[in-house]
Amino acid sequence: MTMSNPWLKKNPFMSMWLTAANKATGSARAQAKGAAKRQVAANQAQATRQIVDLWTGTTTKQAAAKKRRR
């Protein structure tokens, strides 16, 4: 006669806990992935802007016009 292992029985509380943990982890992963995509897009846009400025010769910033006193 063999005894069943109590560690292998289904545990509804463990199942609920794991479901909640997976949901929280998935949400955090989605937030991090979205932030990373936005940062990559911003960096690529900045690099493209710098390359275009280099090729068009607009690398130096133009001085702001001085305000005239009245």
N, C-alpha and C. Protein backbone atom coordinates (compact mmCIF):
# COMPACT_ATOMS: atom_id res chain seq x y z
N MET A 1 0.84 -1.16 0.00
CA MET A 1 0.00 0.00 0.00
C MET A 1 0.90 1.24 0.00
N THR A 2 0.66 2.13 -0.97
CA THR A 2 1.48 3.33 -1.04
C THR A 2 0.66 4.53 -0.60
N MET A 3 1.32 5.44 0.08
CA MET A 3 0.65 6.67 0.52
C MET A 3 0.84 7.74 -0.55
N SER A 4 -0.19 8.53 -0.74
CA SER A 4 -0.06 9.62 -1.71
C SER A 4 0.76 10.75 -1.08
N ASN A 5 1.52 11.38 -1.90
CA ASN A 5 2.37 12.47 -1.43
C ASN A 5 1.51 13.72 -1.25
N PRO A 6 1.46 14.30 -0.03
CA PRO A 6 0.61 15.49 0.19
C PRO A 6 1.13 16.72 -0.57
N TRP A 7 2.41 16.74 -0.94
CA TRP A 7 2.98 17.88 -1.67
C TRP A 7 2.52 17.93 -3.13
N LEU A 8 1.99 16.81 -3.61
CA LEU A 8 1.56 16.76 -5.00
C LEU A 8 0.07 17.02 -5.18
N LYS A 9 -0.65 17.19 -4.08
CA LYS A 9 -2.08 17.48 -4.18
C LYS A 9 -2.29 18.91 -4.63
N LYS A 10 -3.42 19.16 -5.28
CA LYS A 10 -3.74 20.50 -5.73
C LYS A 10 -4.08 21.38 -4.53
N ASN A 11 -3.58 22.61 -4.57
CA ASN A 11 -3.82 23.56 -3.49
C ASN A 11 -4.45 24.81 -4.10
N PRO A 12 -5.73 25.05 -3.85
CA PRO A 12 -6.39 26.20 -4.47
C PRO A 12 -5.79 27.54 -4.04
N PHE A 13 -5.30 27.62 -2.81
CA PHE A 13 -4.71 28.87 -2.34
C PHE A 13 -3.39 29.16 -3.07
N MET A 14 -2.60 28.10 -3.27
CA MET A 14 -1.35 28.27 -4.01
C MET A 14 -1.64 28.66 -5.45
N SER A 15 -2.68 28.08 -6.02
CA SER A 15 -3.05 28.40 -7.39
C SER A 15 -3.46 29.86 -7.51
N MET A 16 -4.26 30.36 -6.57
CA MET A 16 -4.67 31.76 -6.60
C MET A 16 -3.47 32.68 -6.41
N TRP A 17 -2.58 32.30 -5.50
CA TRP A 17 -1.41 33.13 -5.23
C TRP A 17 -0.51 33.21 -6.47
N LEU A 18 -0.29 32.07 -7.12
CA LEU A 18 0.55 32.05 -8.32
C LEU A 18 -0.10 32.84 -9.47
N THR A 19 -1.43 32.75 -9.58
CA THR A 19 -2.12 33.51 -10.61
C THR A 19 -1.92 35.01 -10.39
N ALA A 20 -2.08 35.45 -9.15
CA ALA A 20 -1.90 36.87 -8.83
C ALA A 20 -0.45 37.30 -9.06
N ALA A 21 0.49 36.44 -8.68
CA ALA A 21 1.90 36.77 -8.88
C ALA A 21 2.24 36.87 -10.36
N ASN A 22 1.72 35.96 -11.16
CA ASN A 22 1.97 36.00 -12.61
C ASN A 22 1.34 37.25 -13.24
N LYS A 23 0.18 37.63 -12.76
CA LYS A 23 -0.49 38.81 -13.28
C LYS A 23 0.33 40.06 -12.96
N ALA A 24 0.82 40.17 -11.73
CA ALA A 24 1.63 41.33 -11.33
C ALA A 24 2.95 41.36 -12.10
N THR A 25 3.57 40.21 -12.26
CA THR A 25 4.83 40.15 -13.00
C THR A 25 4.62 40.53 -14.46
N GLY A 26 3.55 40.05 -15.06
CA GLY A 26 3.25 40.39 -16.44
C GLY A 26 3.02 41.87 -16.62
N SER A 27 2.31 42.48 -15.68
CA SER A 27 2.04 43.91 -15.74
C SER A 27 3.34 44.70 -15.62
N ALA A 28 4.19 44.32 -14.69
CA ALA A 28 5.48 45.01 -14.51
C ALA A 28 6.36 44.85 -15.74
N ARG A 29 6.35 43.65 -16.31
CA ARG A 29 7.16 43.40 -17.51
C ARG A 29 6.66 44.25 -18.67
N ALA A 30 5.35 44.39 -18.81
CA ALA A 30 4.78 45.20 -19.89
C ALA A 30 5.14 46.67 -19.70
N GLN A 31 5.10 47.16 -18.47
CA GLN A 31 5.47 48.55 -18.19
C GLN A 31 6.94 48.79 -18.55
N ALA A 32 7.82 47.88 -18.15
CA ALA A 32 9.25 48.02 -18.43
C ALA A 32 9.52 47.95 -19.93
N LYS A 33 8.82 47.05 -20.62
CA LYS A 33 9.02 46.90 -22.06
C LYS A 33 8.56 48.16 -22.80
N GLY A 34 7.44 48.72 -22.38
CA GLY A 34 6.94 49.95 -23.00
C GLY A 34 7.89 51.12 -22.78
N ALA A 35 8.41 51.23 -21.56
CA ALA A 35 9.36 52.32 -21.26
C ALA A 35 10.63 52.16 -22.09
N ALA A 36 11.10 50.93 -22.23
CA ALA A 36 12.31 50.68 -23.02
C ALA A 36 12.08 51.03 -24.49
N LYS A 37 10.91 50.68 -25.02
CA LYS A 37 10.61 50.99 -26.42
C LYS A 37 10.56 52.50 -26.64
N ARG A 38 9.95 53.23 -25.69
CA ARG A 38 9.88 54.68 -25.82
C ARG A 38 11.28 55.30 -25.76
N GLN A 39 12.12 54.79 -24.88
CA GLN A 39 13.47 55.33 -24.76
C GLN A 39 14.28 55.05 -26.03
N VAL A 40 14.16 53.86 -26.58
CA VAL A 40 14.88 53.53 -27.82
C VAL A 40 14.41 54.44 -28.94
N ALA A 41 13.10 54.65 -29.04
CA ALA A 41 12.57 55.51 -30.10
C ALA A 41 13.07 56.93 -29.95
N ALA A 42 13.12 57.43 -28.72
CA ALA A 42 13.61 58.80 -28.48
C ALA A 42 15.09 58.90 -28.84
N ASN A 43 15.87 57.90 -28.47
CA ASN A 43 17.30 57.92 -28.78
C ASN A 43 17.54 57.85 -30.29
N GLN A 44 16.75 57.04 -30.99
CA GLN A 44 16.90 56.94 -32.44
C GLN A 44 16.52 58.26 -33.11
N ALA A 45 15.47 58.90 -32.62
CA ALA A 45 15.06 60.18 -33.19
C ALA A 45 16.14 61.24 -32.97
N GLN A 46 16.73 61.24 -31.80
CA GLN A 46 17.80 62.20 -31.51
C GLN A 46 19.02 61.93 -32.39
N ALA A 47 19.39 60.68 -32.54
CA ALA A 47 20.54 60.34 -33.39
C ALA A 47 20.28 60.74 -34.83
N THR A 48 19.08 60.48 -35.31
CA THR A 48 18.72 60.87 -36.68
C THR A 48 18.79 62.38 -36.85
N ARG A 49 18.28 63.12 -35.86
CA ARG A 49 18.33 64.57 -35.90
C ARG A 49 19.77 65.07 -35.95
N GLN A 50 20.64 64.45 -35.15
CA GLN A 50 22.04 64.85 -35.13
C GLN A 50 22.72 64.55 -36.46
N ILE A 51 22.42 63.42 -37.06
CA ILE A 51 23.01 63.07 -38.36
C ILE A 51 22.55 64.04 -39.43
N VAL A 52 21.26 64.35 -39.44
CA VAL A 52 20.74 65.29 -40.43
C VAL A 52 21.37 66.66 -40.23
N ASP A 53 21.50 67.09 -38.98
CA ASP A 53 22.14 68.39 -38.70
C ASP A 53 23.59 68.39 -39.18
N LEU A 54 24.29 67.29 -38.99
CA LEU A 54 25.68 67.20 -39.42
C LEU A 54 25.78 67.30 -40.93
N TRP A 55 24.93 66.58 -41.63
CA TRP A 55 25.00 66.56 -43.09
C TRP A 55 24.51 67.86 -43.72
N THR A 56 23.60 68.55 -43.06
CA THR A 56 23.09 69.80 -43.63
C THR A 56 23.89 71.01 -43.16
N GLY A 57 24.84 70.80 -42.28
CA GLY A 57 25.70 71.90 -41.82
C GLY A 57 25.06 72.78 -40.78
N THR A 58 24.06 72.30 -40.11
CA THR A 58 23.42 73.10 -39.06
C THR A 58 23.81 72.60 -37.67
N THR A 59 25.10 72.26 -37.52
CA THR A 59 25.54 71.73 -36.23
C THR A 59 25.69 72.83 -35.20
N THR A 60 25.94 74.07 -35.63
CA THR A 60 26.09 75.16 -34.66
C THR A 60 24.72 75.78 -34.43
N LYS A 61 24.45 76.06 -33.19
CA LYS A 61 23.17 76.68 -32.86
C LYS A 61 23.26 78.17 -33.18
N GLN A 62 22.20 78.69 -33.71
CA GLN A 62 22.18 80.11 -34.03
C GLN A 62 21.91 80.89 -32.76
N ALA A 63 22.58 82.05 -32.64
CA ALA A 63 22.39 82.89 -31.46
C ALA A 63 20.98 83.45 -31.47
N ALA A 64 20.42 83.53 -30.29
CA ALA A 64 19.07 84.09 -30.18
C ALA A 64 19.13 85.59 -30.46
N ALA A 65 18.12 86.10 -31.10
CA ALA A 65 18.08 87.53 -31.42
C ALA A 65 17.98 88.33 -30.13
N LYS A 66 18.76 89.41 -30.06
CA LYS A 66 18.73 90.25 -28.86
C LYS A 66 17.45 91.05 -28.84
N LYS A 67 16.90 91.18 -27.65
CA LYS A 67 15.68 91.97 -27.51
C LYS A 67 16.04 93.44 -27.48
N ARG A 68 15.27 94.21 -28.19
CA ARG A 68 15.51 95.65 -28.24
C ARG A 68 14.81 96.33 -27.09
N ARG A 69 15.50 97.29 -26.50
CA ARG A 69 14.87 98.09 -25.43
C ARG A 69 14.03 99.19 -26.06
N ARG A 70 13.00 99.55 -25.38
CA ARG A 70 12.15 100.64 -25.88
C ARG A 70 12.44 101.91 -25.13
